[in-house]
Every structure is written in C-alpha cells, then in structure tokens.
Amino acid sequence: MTRDQLTFDNPKERYADLRGEAQEQPFPGLDRDLTPSADHGELSYRGTGRLEGRKALVTGADSGIGAAVAIAFAREGADVALSYLPEEQVDAQRIARLIEDAGRHAVLLPGDIRDHEFCTSLVSDAVQQLDGLDILVNNAGHQVYETDFENLEPEQLERTLTTNISAMFWITQAALPHLPAGSAIINTTSVQAYKPSPILVDYASTKAAINAYTKALAQQLASRGIRVNAVAPGPIWTPLQVTEGQPPEKLDGFGENTALGRMGQPVECAPAYVFLASPESSYVVGETINVNGGLPTP
C-alpha cells in the first residue's frame, strides 16, 4: 500500500504487517541490517514547505528517529547537518543522499558526542557549513538493558549519562550563541521517563532528566525568543532495540502492549518534530509530545 503521513487510514492497521523479530547486532547497530526494515519516510513522508530556508543540526541522525527527522526536515525545506558515530557512516550517507534528493544541503559530521571538544566542533562545523543554525534536535541516545541492578557497570552508567545528558548540555551551550530569535530546540526523551522498565534503570533515569531539563531551559530561553520542547517516543523500531537495548526475546511482538497493538515506525515520530520546529507551534514552550501508540502518561 502506498501511503504518506497524510493518508487517512486506521492507525491500528498502519504498519501492522511489520512485526519485531528477535535479533542482535553489535553496537552501535545499522539500519541497513535491521529486520524488518524500518520506515524513515523514504517513500512515505511528503513535505509541505513548513521549514523553508531553515538550518538544522540533528544528533543520532544516521538511523531511527533521527534519520526520519532529517528526511522530514529536508522535505519541508530545511538544510540538515547529521551527527552520528563514525561506525554508522553507511547509514548516514544514505540519509544524506535522501536529503540531497529533496534538493537540500546535507552535512555529514561523524564523531562521538561523549567528547566535549567534539560537541563544540560539531556545532561550529554545522554553523559554518549550513551558513547558520536555527533548529537543534538533541536526539542521540544510548540504551543497554541490565536485568540485575547490582551488575550495572560503572562504564555503562557513565556512557549512558554522558551520551544522553551531558552531551545535550554541551551541544546546546555551543549552539546558543548562534541561534537567533525564532529558533527551536527539540530534545528526545521517552515513555521510559514515565513508565520505566526495571531493566533500563540508567536509561529511564536520563529520560526523566531530559524532561526536567527541557522545562527548565524553556523557561530560561523563552525571553530570548528560543523555544525548547521535547518528544517522548514509545516502542519505535530502530537499531537501538537490537544492540542490547532490549533482550532479544522481547523483540518478538515488540510494541504489542500499546493501545494500537503494534510497534511504531520512525517516520511516525517525525511530524511531531516538524511541528515543534515550525513557527506554527509558536505558543508551545516547555512541552513534551508523547508519540507512543497510546501508552498512558501523566
């Protein structure tokens, strides 16, 4: 069935033919090797000119939600800088080609955001190559399950905290001098902030922190005309899940505990980011939009 994000249909049946399968990939994982393939909007996102002339930096943009956001932004008229790990180059190059196919400029910026100096250079390189910056999407995240809290290694805790929280602070601090009034900062949190899994204590803690970070920073930057908001995805089919983000056996039937009875696709998150980046959400500040298939949240 040919569809785009504006096709009228039953949301319970949309993508119902795509079910999670038990599988494993070595970290950091590739969309190229994900089974079944995820929908990032390659054929299903139709732009309507909502971000014409905008300039965006998206972290974790090679795959999953970040890739879907990058494609959507480009089709809405924005140039996009992609931040990702060097090991994810093959996925990032594919997304860059899709951005260029949309007639927009794509900038490839590989590196590890756990490094403060890289975070600073990431922003400066994006600003230089995009000739400005007015949208920042802090999306990159690290998730590894641990069934026994006592076995949570310091190295894993540090990686999760640094990737999910510290890097967000560093990148935003580096970006602020370049963001004019009217700019948007969008952070990716998670349903885990509200409904934490017992095997994701460190990850869920960071996602709850991102909600507080978003609301606090929104209050501070509103006077400068910069809006800060967040998106909280639920069970979305991405490489994050198959690189020890979930036990492999939990991937069979992944997302079937939602009200819609299925997992979500990355492209289904993208419109929320487009809305928050666009001036049409000009009175939306410090908000978290839940895209989780109906899982209850506060």
Protein backbone atom coordinates (compact mmCIF):
# COMPACT_ATOMS: atom_id res chain seq x y z
CA MET A 1 0.00 0.00 0.00
CA THR A 2 1.31 3.45 -0.94
CA ARG A 3 0.84 5.95 1.86
CA ASP A 4 2.25 9.17 3.23
CA GLN A 5 1.87 10.81 6.63
CA LEU A 6 -1.36 12.49 5.48
CA THR A 7 -3.09 9.32 4.24
CA PHE A 8 -6.37 8.68 6.05
CA ASP A 9 -6.45 5.12 7.37
CA ASN A 10 -6.86 3.04 10.53
CA PRO A 11 -3.80 3.74 12.75
CA LYS A 12 -4.09 0.28 14.27
CA GLU A 13 -3.59 -1.27 10.85
CA ARG A 14 -0.90 1.12 9.60
CA TYR A 15 2.38 -0.82 9.66
CA ALA A 16 0.63 -3.75 11.37
CA ASP A 17 2.32 -6.01 8.81
CA LEU A 18 5.72 -5.10 10.30
CA ARG A 19 6.43 -7.08 13.48
CA GLY A 20 9.57 -7.06 15.58
CA GLU A 21 11.82 -10.09 15.29
CA ALA A 22 14.33 -11.49 17.79
CA GLN A 23 17.78 -10.46 16.59
CA GLU A 24 21.05 -8.94 17.76
CA GLN A 25 23.54 -6.52 16.25
CA PRO A 26 26.89 -5.37 17.61
CA PHE A 27 26.92 -1.80 18.93
CA PRO A 28 26.11 0.74 17.54
CA GLY A 29 23.97 -1.15 15.02
CA LEU A 30 22.90 -0.27 11.49
CA ASP A 31 19.52 0.40 9.97
CA ARG A 32 20.85 -1.33 6.88
CA ASP A 33 20.85 -4.65 8.77
CA LEU A 34 17.57 -4.25 10.67
CA THR A 35 14.85 -6.88 10.00
CA PRO A 36 12.21 -5.90 9.10
CA SER A 37 13.40 -2.62 7.62
CA ALA A 38 12.12 0.46 9.40
CA ASP A 39 10.21 3.25 7.65
CA HIS A 40 12.02 6.57 7.99
CA GLY A 41 9.83 8.30 5.43
CA GLU A 42 11.90 7.36 2.41
CA LEU A 43 8.70 6.83 0.41
CA SER A 44 6.11 7.90 2.95
CA TYR A 45 6.90 11.46 4.10
CA ARG A 46 5.51 14.27 1.95
CA GLY A 47 6.75 17.78 2.65
CA THR A 48 4.52 20.85 2.62
CA GLY A 49 7.08 23.67 2.87
CA ARG A 50 6.83 24.20 6.62
CA LEU A 51 10.59 24.70 7.18
CA GLU A 52 11.66 26.53 4.02
CA GLY A 53 15.15 28.03 4.38
CA ARG A 54 15.73 26.66 7.87
CA LYS A 55 19.04 25.17 9.05
CA ALA A 56 19.02 22.17 11.39
CA LEU A 57 21.51 20.07 13.33
CA VAL A 58 20.22 16.60 14.28
CA THR A 59 22.19 14.22 16.52
CA GLY A 60 21.80 10.48 16.04
CA ALA A 61 20.69 11.32 12.51
CA ASP A 62 22.02 8.25 10.72
CA SER A 63 19.22 5.91 11.78
CA GLY A 64 15.93 5.53 13.59
CA ILE A 65 14.07 8.63 14.73
CA GLY A 66 16.95 10.97 13.93
CA ALA A 67 17.07 9.76 10.34
CA ALA A 68 13.30 10.17 9.96
CA VAL A 69 13.51 13.71 11.37
CA ALA A 70 16.35 14.60 9.00
CA ILE A 71 14.39 13.35 5.97
CA ALA A 72 11.23 15.16 7.07
CA PHE A 73 13.08 18.42 7.72
CA ALA A 74 14.68 18.28 4.27
CA ARG A 75 11.37 17.62 2.56
CA GLU A 76 9.90 20.56 4.48
CA GLY A 77 12.65 22.77 3.03
CA ALA A 78 15.50 22.72 5.60
CA ASP A 79 19.20 22.05 5.15
CA VAL A 80 20.38 19.44 7.66
CA ALA A 81 23.66 18.60 9.42
CA LEU A 82 23.85 14.97 10.53
CA SER A 83 25.69 13.96 13.72
CA TYR A 84 26.47 10.26 14.17
CA LEU A 85 29.19 7.80 15.19
CA PRO A 86 31.88 7.03 12.58
CA GLU A 87 30.83 3.36 12.62
CA GLU A 88 27.42 4.46 11.28
CA GLN A 89 28.80 6.09 8.15
CA VAL A 90 26.99 3.80 5.70
CA ASP A 91 23.60 4.68 7.18
CA ALA A 92 24.44 8.38 7.37
CA GLN A 93 25.46 8.51 3.72
CA ARG A 94 22.13 7.01 2.70
CA ILE A 95 20.20 9.64 4.67
CA ALA A 96 22.40 12.39 3.19
CA ARG A 97 21.52 11.19 -0.32
CA LEU A 98 17.81 11.38 0.52
CA ILE A 99 18.27 14.94 1.82
CA GLU A 100 20.05 15.93 -1.38
CA ASP A 101 17.36 14.21 -3.46
CA ALA A 102 14.93 16.61 -1.77
CA GLY A 103 17.01 19.49 -3.12
CA ARG A 104 18.52 20.43 0.24
CA HIS A 105 22.07 20.57 1.58
CA ALA A 106 23.29 17.68 3.76
CA VAL A 107 26.35 17.96 6.03
CA LEU A 108 27.99 14.80 7.40
CA LEU A 109 29.62 15.26 10.84
CA PRO A 110 30.83 11.93 12.32
CA GLY A 111 32.18 11.79 15.87
CA ASP A 112 31.44 10.79 19.45
CA ILE A 113 29.33 13.27 21.42
CA ARG A 114 30.73 11.91 24.69
CA ASP A 115 33.73 14.13 23.90
CA HIS A 116 33.16 17.73 24.99
CA GLU A 117 35.58 19.11 22.41
CA PHE A 118 33.81 17.23 19.64
CA CYS A 119 30.45 18.65 20.76
CA THR A 120 31.89 22.15 20.42
CA SER A 121 33.40 21.49 16.99
CA LEU A 122 30.23 19.70 15.88
CA VAL A 123 28.21 22.87 16.35
CA SER A 124 30.82 25.17 14.82
CA ASP A 125 31.19 22.91 11.79
CA ALA A 126 27.43 22.73 11.35
CA VAL A 127 27.09 26.51 11.57
CA GLN A 128 29.90 27.05 9.09
CA GLN A 129 28.70 24.52 6.53
CA LEU A 130 25.00 25.40 6.84
CA ASP A 131 25.75 29.14 6.98
CA GLY A 132 23.81 29.42 10.24
CA LEU A 133 21.66 27.39 12.59
CA ASP A 134 18.07 27.80 13.83
CA ILE A 135 16.94 24.25 14.72
CA LEU A 136 18.74 21.92 17.14
CA VAL A 137 17.47 18.38 17.68
CA ASN A 138 19.18 16.59 20.59
CA ASN A 139 18.20 13.06 19.68
CA ALA A 140 21.22 10.74 20.09
CA GLY A 141 20.85 8.25 22.91
CA HIS A 142 22.42 5.17 24.46
CA GLN A 143 20.35 2.28 25.85
CA VAL A 144 21.60 -1.10 27.12
CA TYR A 145 19.45 -3.33 29.31
CA GLU A 146 20.64 -4.82 32.61
CA THR A 147 18.43 -7.31 34.42
CA ASP A 148 20.32 -7.03 37.74
CA PHE A 149 20.92 -3.52 39.05
CA GLU A 150 23.90 -4.73 41.08
CA ASN A 151 25.61 -5.70 37.81
CA LEU A 152 25.26 -2.27 36.23
CA GLU A 153 28.87 -1.50 35.38
CA PRO A 154 30.31 2.00 36.01
CA GLU A 155 31.38 2.14 32.35
CA GLN A 156 27.84 1.55 31.13
CA LEU A 157 26.39 4.07 33.58
CA GLU A 158 28.93 6.68 32.50
CA ARG A 159 28.28 6.07 28.81
CA THR A 160 24.51 6.36 29.26
CA LEU A 161 24.71 9.52 31.37
CA THR A 162 27.28 11.21 29.15
CA THR A 163 25.58 10.38 25.85
CA ASN A 164 22.05 11.12 26.97
CA ILE A 165 22.53 14.07 29.33
CA SER A 166 26.00 15.67 29.35
CA ALA A 167 26.27 15.83 25.56
CA MET A 168 22.86 17.51 25.39
CA PHE A 169 24.11 20.24 27.73
CA TRP A 170 27.38 20.68 25.82
CA ILE A 171 25.83 20.81 22.35
CA THR A 172 23.09 23.21 23.41
CA GLN A 173 25.60 25.51 25.14
CA ALA A 174 27.72 25.58 22.00
CA ALA A 175 24.68 26.24 19.79
CA LEU A 176 23.09 29.06 21.77
CA PRO A 177 25.36 31.89 20.55
CA HIS A 178 24.33 31.02 17.00
CA LEU A 179 20.55 30.63 17.50
CA PRO A 180 18.50 33.71 16.56
CA ALA A 181 15.09 34.54 17.98
CA GLY A 182 12.56 32.17 16.45
CA SER A 183 14.87 29.17 16.75
CA ALA A 184 13.74 25.84 18.16
CA ILE A 185 15.49 23.28 20.36
CA ILE A 186 13.86 19.84 20.44
CA ASN A 187 15.02 17.08 22.79
CA THR A 188 14.21 13.38 22.53
CA THR A 189 13.01 11.91 25.80
CA SER A 190 10.99 8.65 26.08
CA VAL A 191 7.96 6.93 27.52
CA GLN A 192 10.61 5.43 29.83
CA ALA A 193 10.56 8.76 31.68
CA TYR A 194 7.00 7.95 32.83
CA LYS A 195 6.77 4.17 32.64
CA PRO A 196 10.31 2.93 33.35
CA SER A 197 11.28 -0.66 32.65
CA PRO A 198 13.07 -2.41 35.55
CA ILE A 199 15.87 -3.45 33.16
CA LEU A 200 16.50 0.13 31.97
CA VAL A 201 17.17 1.96 35.23
CA ASP A 202 20.01 4.11 33.92
CA TYR A 203 18.34 4.90 30.58
CA ALA A 204 14.95 5.70 32.13
CA SER A 205 16.62 7.99 34.67
CA THR A 206 18.25 10.02 31.90
CA LYS A 207 14.98 10.33 30.03
CA ALA A 208 13.21 11.67 33.09
CA ALA A 209 16.06 14.14 33.50
CA ILE A 210 15.61 15.28 29.89
CA ASN A 211 12.00 16.21 30.64
CA ALA A 212 13.11 18.40 33.56
CA TYR A 213 15.98 19.83 31.50
CA THR A 214 13.55 20.74 28.71
CA LYS A 215 11.11 22.51 31.00
CA ALA A 216 13.80 24.41 32.93
CA LEU A 217 15.70 25.51 29.83
CA ALA A 218 12.46 26.51 28.11
CA GLN A 219 11.74 28.96 30.93
CA GLN A 220 15.21 30.46 30.65
CA LEU A 221 15.32 30.84 26.87
CA ALA A 222 11.75 31.96 26.19
CA SER A 223 12.72 35.58 26.85
CA ARG A 224 15.25 35.27 24.00
CA GLY A 225 12.58 34.01 21.63
CA ILE A 226 14.02 30.49 21.56
CA ARG A 227 11.52 27.70 22.17
CA VAL A 228 12.57 24.45 23.86
CA ASN A 229 10.34 21.37 23.71
CA ALA A 230 10.63 17.58 23.67
CA VAL A 231 9.22 14.47 22.03
CA ALA A 232 8.72 11.26 24.04
CA PRO A 233 8.59 8.23 21.72
CA GLY A 234 7.32 4.85 22.81
CA PRO A 235 8.34 1.48 21.32
CA ILE A 236 9.79 2.57 17.96
CA TRP A 237 11.59 0.10 15.68
CA THR A 238 15.23 1.24 15.50
CA PRO A 239 18.75 -0.26 15.85
CA LEU A 240 18.69 0.93 19.47
CA GLN A 241 16.45 -2.01 20.29
CA VAL A 242 18.63 -4.73 18.73
CA THR A 243 22.01 -3.59 20.14
CA GLU A 244 21.19 -4.79 23.67
CA GLY A 245 18.56 -2.11 24.07
CA GLN A 246 16.12 -4.94 24.78
CA PRO A 247 16.60 -8.67 25.42
CA PRO A 248 16.30 -10.37 22.00
CA GLU A 249 13.34 -12.47 23.13
CA LYS A 250 11.38 -9.29 23.93
CA LEU A 251 11.62 -8.15 20.32
CA ASP A 252 9.11 -10.74 19.16
CA GLY A 253 5.83 -8.84 19.40
CA PHE A 254 7.66 -5.59 20.29
CA GLY A 255 5.18 -2.79 20.94
CA GLU A 256 2.10 -5.01 21.11
CA ASN A 257 1.43 -3.75 24.66
CA THR A 258 0.35 -0.35 23.30
CA ALA A 259 -3.27 0.65 22.74
CA LEU A 260 -2.71 0.33 18.99
CA GLY A 261 -1.25 -3.14 19.50
CA ARG A 262 1.88 -2.60 17.41
CA MET A 263 5.31 -1.01 17.41
CA GLY A 264 5.80 2.43 15.88
CA GLN A 265 7.94 3.40 12.91
CA PRO A 266 10.47 6.26 13.00
CA VAL A 267 8.51 8.23 10.39
CA GLU A 268 5.54 8.32 12.76
CA CYS A 269 7.61 10.45 15.15
CA ALA A 270 8.84 12.90 12.53
CA PRO A 271 5.69 15.09 12.29
CA ALA A 272 5.94 15.95 16.00
CA TYR A 273 9.46 17.30 15.46
CA VAL A 274 8.37 19.21 12.36
CA PHE A 275 5.52 20.80 14.31
CA LEU A 276 7.81 21.84 17.17
CA ALA A 277 10.41 23.24 14.75
CA SER A 278 7.85 25.19 12.76
CA PRO A 279 6.53 28.67 13.67
CA GLU A 280 3.03 27.14 13.79
CA SER A 281 3.94 25.95 17.31
CA SER A 282 4.96 29.48 18.35
CA TYR A 283 2.99 29.30 21.64
CA VAL A 284 4.26 25.83 22.57
CA VAL A 285 7.09 26.11 25.13
CA GLY A 286 8.42 23.52 27.59
CA GLU A 287 6.05 20.85 26.27
CA THR A 288 6.62 17.11 25.78
CA ILE A 289 4.69 15.47 22.95
CA ASN A 290 4.13 11.76 23.51
CA VAL A 291 4.28 9.54 20.40
CA ASN A 292 3.79 6.13 21.96
CA GLY A 293 0.81 4.31 20.49
CA GLY A 294 -1.41 5.04 23.47
CA LEU A 295 0.72 4.09 26.48
CA PRO A 296 -0.66 6.14 29.43
CA THR A 297 1.49 9.05 30.65
CA PRO A 298 0.94 11.70 33.35
